[in-house]
Amino acid sequence: MEQEFKVGEIANTHGIRGEVKVYPTTSDIARFKKLKECILDTGKERMVLHVQSCKFFKQFAILKFKEFDNINEVEKYKHCGLYVERKNAVKLEKDEYYIADLIGMEVFDEENRRMGSLEDVIQTGANDVYVVKLAEEYKKALGTDKELPKEVLVPALKQCVLELNIEEATMKLKLLDGLLEL
């Protein structure tokens, strides 16, 4: 299970006092108002930053960190990711999951045949869609000569997702008619 979640990426500086424009990678941009600290990952180092203030401009969160006082100190951190520890993540409702915990899950069909792995989650307005990369052995398990797609898109609906176990990183799906068609 992931212990840190990416909540944004520094897109640019904002003004001369060390503020940064953050492109949010979280579904709740308002979470930045409550954010006290985050982890800046430069690719070479990681440092804990303390949020001094937050405001919003268009699709960006404008953050001021206690550690930086001018544009020259923050300019080198453009395009660096901001992360929070799991304990500081947005609390989930019943039947909600962190996408980072879903990616890589082993996926099985309703007859417990291994289909493949969950590669991505597409967020749409109505419901999420799971991108399942089909395993080669699944075609053999189905006993069909039909060519199967490399991946299948499965709506994250109760009638399709029969079981989901975060601890075991497994998911059982019921495929709706036509999903395995090319």
Protein backbone atom coordinates (compact mmCIF):
# COMPACT_ATOMS: atom_id res chain seq x y z
CA MET A 1 0.00 0.00 0.00
CA GLU A 2 1.23 3.46 -0.87
CA GLN A 3 2.32 5.53 2.13
CA GLU A 4 2.49 8.83 0.26
CA PHE A 5 0.16 10.41 -2.26
CA LYS A 6 0.98 13.05 -4.84
CA VAL A 7 -1.31 16.04 -4.31
CA GLY A 8 0.22 18.44 -6.79
CA GLU A 9 3.09 19.64 -8.90
CA ILE A 10 4.74 23.04 -8.77
CA ALA A 11 3.87 24.58 -12.12
CA ASN A 12 5.58 27.94 -11.70
CA THR A 13 6.50 30.72 -9.32
CA HIS A 14 3.92 33.32 -8.35
CA GLY A 15 5.14 36.81 -7.54
CA ILE A 16 8.48 37.59 -5.92
CA ARG A 17 7.85 36.55 -2.31
CA GLY A 18 8.39 32.82 -2.77
CA GLU A 19 4.86 31.71 -3.59
CA VAL A 20 4.31 28.90 -6.09
CA LYS A 21 1.48 27.91 -8.43
CA VAL A 22 0.59 24.29 -7.78
CA TYR A 23 -1.26 22.19 -10.33
CA PRO A 24 -3.41 19.88 -8.17
CA THR A 25 -3.35 16.13 -8.78
CA THR A 26 -5.97 15.54 -6.11
CA SER A 27 -9.71 15.38 -6.69
CA ASP A 28 -10.32 17.97 -3.94
CA ILE A 29 -8.42 21.22 -4.54
CA ALA A 30 -9.93 22.66 -1.35
CA ARG A 31 -7.73 20.21 0.59
CA PHE A 32 -4.86 22.68 0.18
CA LYS A 33 -6.64 25.06 2.59
CA LYS A 34 -6.24 22.48 5.38
CA LEU A 35 -2.75 21.33 4.36
CA LYS A 36 -0.17 22.04 7.06
CA GLU A 37 2.84 20.26 5.57
CA CYS A 38 3.85 18.37 2.47
CA ILE A 39 6.91 16.68 1.03
CA LEU A 40 8.72 18.24 -1.92
CA ASP A 41 10.35 15.64 -4.16
CA THR A 42 13.00 17.09 -6.47
CA GLY A 43 14.10 13.72 -7.81
CA LYS A 44 17.40 14.07 -5.94
CA GLU A 45 16.17 15.07 -2.51
CA ARG A 46 13.01 15.20 -0.45
CA MET A 47 12.18 17.90 2.05
CA VAL A 48 9.29 18.61 4.34
CA LEU A 49 7.69 22.00 3.69
CA HIS A 50 5.28 23.84 5.96
CA VAL A 51 2.37 25.66 4.34
CA GLN A 52 2.13 29.25 5.49
CA SER A 53 -0.78 30.33 3.29
CA CYS A 54 -3.01 29.14 0.46
CA LYS A 55 -5.19 30.88 -2.07
CA PHE A 56 -6.63 29.88 -5.42
CA PHE A 57 -6.23 31.27 -8.93
CA LYS A 58 -8.02 29.61 -11.85
CA GLN A 59 -7.22 25.87 -11.61
CA PHE A 60 -4.13 26.43 -9.41
CA ALA A 61 -3.51 26.51 -5.69
CA ILE A 62 -1.10 29.32 -4.78
CA LEU A 63 1.00 28.16 -1.84
CA LYS A 64 3.48 30.03 0.34
CA PHE A 65 5.87 27.85 2.31
CA LYS A 66 7.57 29.00 5.53
CA GLU A 67 10.89 27.75 4.17
CA PHE A 68 11.04 30.17 1.21
CA ASP A 69 10.92 33.97 1.16
CA ASN A 70 11.69 34.95 -2.42
CA ILE A 71 11.35 33.87 -6.03
CA ASN A 72 15.02 32.84 -6.30
CA GLU A 73 14.62 30.20 -3.58
CA VAL A 74 11.64 28.48 -5.23
CA GLU A 75 12.38 28.86 -8.95
CA LYS A 76 14.52 25.72 -9.05
CA TYR A 77 11.57 23.62 -7.83
CA LYS A 78 9.36 24.09 -10.90
CA HIS A 79 7.86 20.76 -12.04
CA CYS A 80 8.66 19.05 -8.72
CA GLY A 81 5.98 16.95 -7.04
CA LEU A 82 4.30 17.62 -3.72
CA TYR A 83 3.26 14.64 -1.61
CA VAL A 84 1.41 14.01 1.64
CA GLU A 85 1.75 11.07 3.98
CA ARG A 86 -1.18 8.67 4.16
CA LYS A 87 -2.07 9.93 7.65
CA ASN A 88 -2.54 13.45 6.19
CA ALA A 89 -4.52 12.31 3.14
CA VAL A 90 -8.17 13.20 2.58
CA LYS A 91 -10.37 10.81 4.52
CA LEU A 92 -12.36 8.39 2.39
CA GLU A 93 -16.05 7.62 2.50
CA LYS A 94 -17.43 4.08 2.41
CA ASP A 95 -16.61 2.34 -0.89
CA GLU A 96 -14.00 4.97 -1.83
CA TYR A 97 -10.37 4.08 -2.48
CA TYR A 98 -7.14 5.87 -3.22
CA ILE A 99 -6.24 5.35 -6.88
CA ALA A 100 -2.62 4.72 -5.86
CA ASP A 101 -3.82 1.68 -3.87
CA LEU A 102 -5.73 0.28 -6.86
CA ILE A 103 -3.00 0.52 -9.51
CA GLY A 104 -1.20 -2.80 -9.90
CA MET A 105 -3.96 -4.93 -8.36
CA GLU A 106 -4.35 -8.47 -9.65
CA VAL A 107 -7.71 -8.76 -11.38
CA PHE A 108 -9.83 -11.92 -11.55
CA ASP A 109 -13.08 -12.67 -13.33
CA GLU A 110 -16.17 -14.04 -11.59
CA GLU A 111 -14.90 -17.61 -12.06
CA ASN A 112 -11.58 -16.75 -10.32
CA ARG A 113 -9.53 -16.83 -13.52
CA ARG A 114 -6.69 -14.31 -13.46
CA MET A 115 -7.51 -11.65 -16.04
CA GLY A 116 -4.45 -9.44 -15.58
CA SER A 117 -3.66 -6.29 -13.64
CA LEU A 118 -5.23 -2.90 -13.08
CA GLU A 119 -3.09 -0.44 -15.02
CA ASP A 120 -4.97 2.83 -14.67
CA VAL A 121 -8.14 4.51 -13.43
CA ILE A 122 -9.88 6.97 -15.72
CA GLN A 123 -11.98 9.49 -13.87
CA THR A 124 -15.10 10.48 -15.77
CA GLY A 125 -18.01 12.60 -14.67
CA ALA A 126 -20.36 9.68 -14.08
CA ASN A 127 -18.11 6.94 -12.68
CA ASP A 128 -14.50 5.83 -12.73
CA VAL A 129 -13.35 3.36 -15.36
CA TYR A 130 -10.74 0.68 -14.61
CA VAL A 131 -8.17 -0.07 -17.30
CA VAL A 132 -7.29 -3.77 -17.00
CA LYS A 133 -4.31 -5.06 -18.95
CA LEU A 134 -5.24 -8.57 -19.99
CA ALA A 135 -2.78 -11.37 -19.28
CA GLU A 136 -1.83 -13.77 -22.08
CA GLU A 137 -2.96 -16.76 -20.04
CA TYR A 138 -6.47 -15.30 -19.79
CA LYS A 139 -7.13 -16.06 -23.47
CA LYS A 140 -6.12 -19.68 -22.85
CA ALA A 141 -8.25 -19.81 -19.70
CA LEU A 142 -11.28 -18.65 -21.70
CA GLY A 143 -10.66 -21.41 -24.25
CA THR A 144 -11.38 -19.16 -27.21
CA ASP A 145 -9.68 -18.61 -30.53
CA LYS A 146 -11.07 -15.09 -30.73
CA GLU A 147 -8.49 -12.34 -30.59
CA LEU A 148 -8.79 -10.39 -27.36
CA PRO A 149 -7.90 -6.73 -26.87
CA LYS A 150 -4.70 -5.93 -24.95
CA GLU A 151 -6.75 -4.13 -22.33
CA VAL A 152 -10.35 -3.87 -21.30
CA LEU A 153 -12.18 -0.86 -19.86
CA VAL A 154 -14.49 -1.78 -17.00
CA PRO A 155 -16.86 0.72 -15.37
CA ALA A 156 -16.38 0.96 -11.61
CA LEU A 157 -19.98 0.03 -10.84
CA LYS A 158 -21.32 -2.33 -8.19
CA GLN A 159 -22.66 -4.71 -10.85
CA CYS A 160 -19.14 -5.00 -12.35
CA VAL A 161 -16.91 -4.91 -9.26
CA LEU A 162 -17.84 -7.99 -7.25
CA GLU A 163 -15.00 -7.83 -4.71
CA LEU A 164 -12.19 -5.42 -3.94
CA ASN A 165 -9.55 -6.26 -1.35
CA ILE A 166 -7.00 -3.50 -0.72
CA GLU A 167 -4.93 -5.58 1.74
CA GLU A 168 -4.49 -8.46 -0.71
CA ALA A 169 -4.36 -6.12 -3.75
CA THR A 170 -6.99 -8.15 -5.60
CA MET A 171 -10.20 -7.36 -7.43
CA LYS A 172 -12.93 -9.61 -8.81
CA LEU A 173 -14.88 -8.32 -11.80
CA LYS A 174 -17.97 -9.34 -13.71
CA LEU A 175 -17.50 -8.38 -17.35
CA LEU A 176 -20.54 -6.96 -19.07
CA ASP A 177 -21.42 -8.34 -22.48
CA GLY A 178 -19.29 -6.85 -25.26
CA LEU A 179 -16.36 -5.66 -23.14
CA LEU A 180 -13.99 -8.30 -24.57
CA GLU A 181 -14.90 -7.51 -28.18
CA LEU A 182 -12.35 -5.92 -30.50
